[in-house]
N, C-alpha and C. Protein backbone atom coordinates (compact mmCIF):
# COMPACT_ATOMS: atom_id res chain seq x y z
N MET A 1 56.75 17.25 36.41
CA MET A 1 55.43 17.87 36.55
C MET A 1 54.53 17.65 35.24
N THR A 2 53.31 17.12 35.47
CA THR A 2 52.69 17.23 34.26
C THR A 2 51.41 18.30 34.27
N GLU A 3 51.51 18.60 33.17
CA GLU A 3 50.78 19.67 33.12
C GLU A 3 49.35 19.51 32.41
N GLU A 4 48.56 19.78 33.07
CA GLU A 4 47.09 19.44 32.70
C GLU A 4 46.58 20.40 31.74
N ARG A 5 46.14 20.00 30.67
CA ARG A 5 45.67 21.04 29.51
C ARG A 5 44.40 21.06 29.65
N ARG A 6 43.97 22.26 29.88
CA ARG A 6 42.63 22.62 30.23
C ARG A 6 41.94 23.30 29.20
N VAL A 7 40.78 22.59 28.82
CA VAL A 7 40.09 23.38 27.69
C VAL A 7 39.02 24.55 28.18
N PRO A 8 38.90 25.55 27.46
CA PRO A 8 38.33 26.76 27.90
C PRO A 8 36.70 26.19 28.03
N LYS A 9 36.19 26.85 28.83
CA LYS A 9 34.66 26.37 29.04
C LYS A 9 33.77 26.68 27.80
N PRO A 10 34.14 27.86 27.00
CA PRO A 10 33.10 27.89 25.92
C PRO A 10 33.56 26.90 24.71
N ALA A 11 34.67 26.34 24.70
CA ALA A 11 35.09 25.43 23.63
C ALA A 11 34.40 24.04 24.14
N LYS A 12 34.28 23.83 25.69
CA LYS A 12 33.65 22.60 25.89
C LYS A 12 32.01 22.73 25.59
N ILE A 13 31.45 23.93 25.87
CA ILE A 13 30.18 23.95 25.44
C ILE A 13 29.91 23.84 23.90
N ALA A 14 30.82 24.46 23.09
CA ALA A 14 30.83 24.37 21.83
C ALA A 14 30.80 22.81 21.07
N ALA A 15 31.72 22.10 21.65
CA ALA A 15 31.94 20.74 21.45
C ALA A 15 30.65 19.95 22.01
N ALA A 16 30.08 20.26 23.04
CA ALA A 16 28.89 19.74 23.52
C ALA A 16 27.84 20.12 22.66
N VAL A 17 27.62 21.13 22.21
CA VAL A 17 26.48 21.63 21.34
C VAL A 17 26.67 20.90 19.94
N VAL A 18 27.98 20.83 19.28
CA VAL A 18 28.18 20.01 18.01
C VAL A 18 27.82 18.53 18.23
N VAL A 19 28.11 17.89 19.27
CA VAL A 19 27.98 16.52 19.50
C VAL A 19 26.35 16.43 19.69
N PHE A 20 25.58 17.06 20.25
CA PHE A 20 24.27 16.98 20.50
C PHE A 20 23.62 17.40 19.15
N LEU A 21 23.81 18.20 18.68
CA LEU A 21 23.45 18.33 17.12
C LEU A 21 23.55 17.11 16.10
N LEU A 22 24.86 16.61 16.35
CA LEU A 22 25.01 15.46 15.28
C LEU A 22 24.13 14.31 15.88
N PHE A 23 23.91 14.02 17.25
CA PHE A 23 23.25 13.06 17.60
C PHE A 23 21.44 13.19 17.11
N VAL A 24 21.10 14.44 17.28
CA VAL A 24 19.96 14.66 16.81
C VAL A 24 19.60 14.62 15.27
N LEU A 25 20.68 14.84 14.50
CA LEU A 25 20.61 14.73 12.93
C LEU A 25 20.52 13.07 12.58
N LEU A 26 21.41 12.47 13.45
CA LEU A 26 21.66 10.82 13.38
C LEU A 26 20.10 10.34 13.67
N VAL A 27 19.59 10.66 14.64
CA VAL A 27 18.25 10.18 15.02
C VAL A 27 17.26 10.47 14.04
N THR A 28 16.98 11.78 13.79
CA THR A 28 16.16 12.25 12.67
C THR A 28 16.19 11.38 11.29
N THR A 29 17.57 11.21 10.88
CA THR A 29 17.97 10.52 9.88
C THR A 29 17.22 9.12 9.63
N VAL A 30 17.54 8.32 10.77
CA VAL A 30 17.32 7.12 10.97
C VAL A 30 15.70 6.90 11.16
N PHE A 31 15.13 7.84 12.09
CA PHE A 31 13.82 7.29 12.65
C PHE A 31 12.82 8.59 12.38
N GLY A 32 13.17 9.55 11.73
CA GLY A 32 12.32 10.66 11.50
C GLY A 32 11.12 10.39 10.38
N LYS A 33 10.55 11.39 10.06
CA LYS A 33 9.30 11.32 8.91
C LYS A 33 9.63 10.76 7.90
N LYS A 34 10.95 11.32 7.33
CA LYS A 34 11.65 10.76 6.32
C LYS A 34 12.97 10.17 6.08
N GLY A 35 12.93 9.34 7.30
CA GLY A 35 14.22 8.62 7.90
C GLY A 35 14.24 7.04 7.29
N LEU A 36 15.27 6.61 7.42
CA LEU A 36 15.66 5.49 6.73
C LEU A 36 14.63 4.33 6.87
N PHE A 37 14.00 4.16 8.00
CA PHE A 37 12.99 3.12 8.28
C PHE A 37 11.64 3.59 7.34
N GLU A 38 11.46 4.79 7.48
CA GLU A 38 10.26 5.36 6.78
C GLU A 38 10.55 5.04 5.16
N ILE A 39 11.61 5.07 4.56
CA ILE A 39 11.92 5.09 3.32
C ILE A 39 12.00 3.55 2.80
N ALA A 40 12.34 2.82 3.65
CA ALA A 40 12.31 1.33 3.51
C ALA A 40 10.79 0.86 3.68
N ARG A 41 10.02 1.34 4.40
CA ARG A 41 8.47 1.11 4.62
C ARG A 41 7.99 1.42 3.21
N ALA A 42 8.23 2.69 2.81
CA ALA A 42 7.71 3.18 1.53
C ALA A 42 8.11 2.50 0.22
N ARG A 43 9.39 1.88 0.36
CA ARG A 43 9.63 1.16 -0.86
C ARG A 43 8.79 -0.21 -0.90
N ARG A 44 8.67 -0.87 0.44
CA ARG A 44 7.89 -2.15 0.40
C ARG A 44 6.62 -1.89 -0.37
N THR A 45 5.89 -0.84 0.40
CA THR A 45 4.46 -0.50 -0.15
C THR A 45 4.49 -0.30 -1.76
N TYR A 46 5.64 0.47 -2.27
CA TYR A 46 5.60 0.87 -3.51
C TYR A 46 5.56 -0.52 -4.40
N ALA A 47 6.48 -1.77 -3.76
CA ALA A 47 6.67 -2.95 -4.65
C ALA A 47 5.37 -3.70 -4.55
N GLU A 48 4.56 -3.65 -3.59
CA GLU A 48 3.15 -4.23 -3.11
C GLU A 48 2.19 -3.57 -4.27
N LEU A 49 2.15 -2.40 -4.17
CA LEU A 49 1.37 -1.58 -5.02
C LEU A 49 1.53 -2.07 -6.73
N GLU A 50 2.85 -1.90 -6.98
CA GLU A 50 3.34 -2.45 -8.46
C GLU A 50 2.65 -3.79 -8.65
N LYS A 51 2.71 -4.72 -7.70
CA LYS A 51 2.21 -6.07 -8.00
C LYS A 51 0.91 -6.06 -8.23
N GLU A 52 0.20 -5.19 -7.46
CA GLU A 52 -1.33 -5.06 -7.50
C GLU A 52 -1.64 -4.59 -8.90
N ILE A 53 -1.12 -3.51 -9.18
CA ILE A 53 -1.48 -2.91 -10.67
C ILE A 53 -1.32 -3.96 -11.51
N GLY A 54 -0.16 -4.47 -11.37
CA GLY A 54 0.17 -5.83 -12.68
C GLY A 54 -1.02 -6.87 -12.56
N ARG A 55 -1.38 -7.23 -11.37
CA ARG A 55 -2.61 -8.26 -11.26
C ARG A 55 -3.94 -7.36 -11.71
N LEU A 56 -4.11 -6.30 -11.42
CA LEU A 56 -5.27 -5.60 -11.95
C LEU A 56 -5.45 -5.51 -13.72
N LYS A 57 -4.31 -5.04 -13.95
CA LYS A 57 -3.97 -4.96 -15.41
C LYS A 57 -4.42 -6.20 -16.15
N GLU A 58 -3.93 -7.47 -15.71
CA GLU A 58 -4.36 -8.72 -16.26
C GLU A 58 -5.82 -8.87 -16.20
N GLU A 59 -6.25 -8.72 -15.01
CA GLU A 59 -7.58 -8.87 -14.63
C GLU A 59 -8.58 -7.98 -15.64
N LYS A 60 -8.15 -6.77 -15.81
CA LYS A 60 -8.86 -5.77 -16.71
C LYS A 60 -8.62 -6.45 -18.17
N ALA A 61 -7.76 -6.89 -18.71
CA ALA A 61 -7.46 -7.51 -20.04
C ALA A 61 -8.28 -8.63 -20.17
N ARG A 62 -8.36 -9.62 -19.17
CA ARG A 62 -9.32 -10.81 -19.38
C ARG A 62 -10.77 -10.47 -19.40
N LEU A 63 -11.00 -9.21 -18.50
CA LEU A 63 -12.64 -8.94 -18.61
C LEU A 63 -12.87 -8.15 -19.97
N GLU A 64 -11.83 -7.65 -20.35
CA GLU A 64 -12.29 -6.80 -21.69
C GLU A 64 -12.33 -7.96 -22.88
N LYS A 65 -11.46 -8.93 -22.68
CA LYS A 65 -11.79 -9.91 -23.57
C LYS A 65 -12.87 -10.72 -23.56
N GLU A 66 -13.42 -10.89 -22.31
CA GLU A 66 -14.90 -11.48 -22.13
C GLU A 66 -15.77 -10.54 -22.62
N ILE A 67 -15.60 -9.38 -22.69
CA ILE A 67 -16.71 -8.37 -22.87
C ILE A 67 -16.75 -8.54 -24.40
N ALA A 68 -15.66 -8.45 -25.12
CA ALA A 68 -15.66 -8.49 -26.66
C ALA A 68 -16.14 -9.88 -27.07
N ALA A 69 -15.96 -10.91 -26.38
CA ALA A 69 -16.64 -12.28 -26.78
C ALA A 69 -18.08 -12.16 -26.68
N LEU A 70 -18.46 -11.79 -25.62
CA LEU A 70 -19.93 -11.45 -25.13
C LEU A 70 -20.69 -10.65 -26.32
N GLU A 71 -20.02 -9.66 -26.86
CA GLU A 71 -20.74 -8.48 -27.77
C GLU A 71 -20.63 -9.16 -29.14
N SER A 72 -19.53 -10.14 -29.40
CA SER A 72 -19.61 -10.54 -30.86
C SER A 72 -19.87 -12.03 -31.06
N ASP A 73 -19.78 -12.95 -30.07
CA ASP A 73 -19.83 -14.40 -30.25
C ASP A 73 -21.22 -14.87 -29.53
N PRO A 74 -22.18 -15.26 -30.27
CA PRO A 74 -23.50 -15.71 -29.65
C PRO A 74 -23.13 -17.06 -29.00
N GLY A 75 -22.25 -17.72 -29.37
CA GLY A 75 -21.78 -19.10 -28.25
C GLY A 75 -21.32 -18.65 -26.96
N ALA A 76 -20.46 -17.39 -27.05
CA ALA A 76 -19.92 -17.15 -25.66
C ALA A 76 -21.26 -16.65 -24.53
N ILE A 77 -22.27 -15.97 -25.54
CA ILE A 77 -23.68 -15.63 -24.59
C ILE A 77 -24.33 -16.77 -24.20
N GLU A 78 -24.33 -17.90 -25.00
CA GLU A 78 -25.06 -19.06 -24.74
C GLU A 78 -24.28 -19.66 -23.49
N ARG A 79 -23.11 -19.74 -23.58
CA ARG A 79 -22.37 -20.54 -22.49
C ARG A 79 -22.44 -19.67 -21.16
N GLU A 80 -22.38 -18.46 -21.34
CA GLU A 80 -22.64 -17.65 -19.96
C GLU A 80 -24.04 -17.88 -19.49
N ALA A 81 -25.06 -17.97 -20.23
CA ALA A 81 -26.43 -18.08 -19.82
C ALA A 81 -26.45 -19.62 -19.23
N ARG A 82 -25.98 -20.46 -19.83
CA ARG A 82 -26.09 -21.99 -19.19
C ARG A 82 -25.47 -21.98 -18.17
N GLU A 83 -24.08 -21.53 -17.92
CA GLU A 83 -23.38 -21.84 -16.55
C GLU A 83 -23.72 -20.78 -15.51
N LYS A 84 -24.07 -19.64 -15.64
CA LYS A 84 -24.47 -18.73 -14.94
C LYS A 84 -25.86 -18.54 -14.27
N LEU A 85 -26.78 -18.62 -15.54
CA LEU A 85 -28.13 -18.44 -15.16
C LEU A 85 -28.91 -19.60 -15.16
N TRP A 86 -28.18 -21.01 -15.53
CA TRP A 86 -28.93 -22.12 -15.57
C TRP A 86 -29.98 -22.19 -16.53
N LEU A 87 -29.96 -21.50 -17.55
CA LEU A 87 -30.86 -21.38 -18.68
C LEU A 87 -30.75 -22.52 -19.60
N MET A 88 -31.95 -22.94 -20.28
CA MET A 88 -31.77 -24.02 -21.13
C MET A 88 -32.76 -23.64 -22.36
N ARG A 89 -32.57 -24.56 -23.42
CA ARG A 89 -33.49 -24.32 -24.57
C ARG A 89 -34.93 -25.10 -24.14
N PRO A 90 -35.81 -24.84 -24.94
CA PRO A 90 -37.21 -25.45 -24.66
C PRO A 90 -37.29 -26.82 -24.74
N ASP A 91 -36.27 -27.37 -25.62
CA ASP A 91 -36.34 -28.74 -26.13
C ASP A 91 -35.24 -29.78 -25.16
N GLU A 92 -34.59 -28.90 -24.43
CA GLU A 92 -33.63 -29.70 -23.40
C GLU A 92 -34.01 -30.26 -22.25
N LYS A 93 -33.35 -31.12 -21.78
CA LYS A 93 -33.68 -31.64 -20.11
C LYS A 93 -32.59 -31.53 -19.35
N VAL A 94 -32.36 -30.90 -18.33
CA VAL A 94 -31.25 -30.89 -17.47
C VAL A 94 -31.33 -32.17 -16.38
N VAL A 95 -30.21 -32.62 -16.45
CA VAL A 95 -29.91 -33.93 -15.40
C VAL A 95 -29.02 -33.60 -14.50
N LEU A 96 -29.56 -33.53 -13.21
CA LEU A 96 -28.72 -33.22 -11.95
C LEU A 96 -27.92 -34.30 -11.48
N ARG A 97 -26.83 -34.32 -11.07
CA ARG A 97 -26.17 -35.29 -10.21
C ARG A 97 -25.77 -34.71 -8.88
N LYS A 98 -25.91 -35.72 -7.98
CA LYS A 98 -25.31 -35.34 -6.73
C LYS A 98 -23.93 -35.54 -6.59
N LYS A 99 -23.24 -34.75 -5.85
CA LYS A 99 -21.84 -34.76 -5.81
C LYS A 99 -21.35 -35.81 -4.87
N ASP A 100 -20.43 -36.69 -4.97
CA ASP A 100 -19.90 -37.78 -4.07
C ASP A 100 -19.35 -36.96 -3.04
N PRO A 101 -19.57 -37.42 -1.73
CA PRO A 101 -18.82 -36.65 -0.71
C PRO A 101 -17.55 -36.89 -0.49
């Protein structure tokens, strides 16, 4: 005679509740608002922003150097005026060439 072991009903319910809670905990840990996927996305965003900050710092340093040159170097002012504003001295002639296609 094999004797079947019967688990009392409250123990079955308690086990089901524990399994359900563990499942909910697992799902929220992976997919929740502060879950693993969200943390990975936040780390990627952080790395992208760090790169952008580095690029902007380099650009800021370049622009500050350009500002310092324009404030103190008359040659830099003249160079900017010629290149960006197409200014020339009264005794100069500008020769324009067509670009080859």
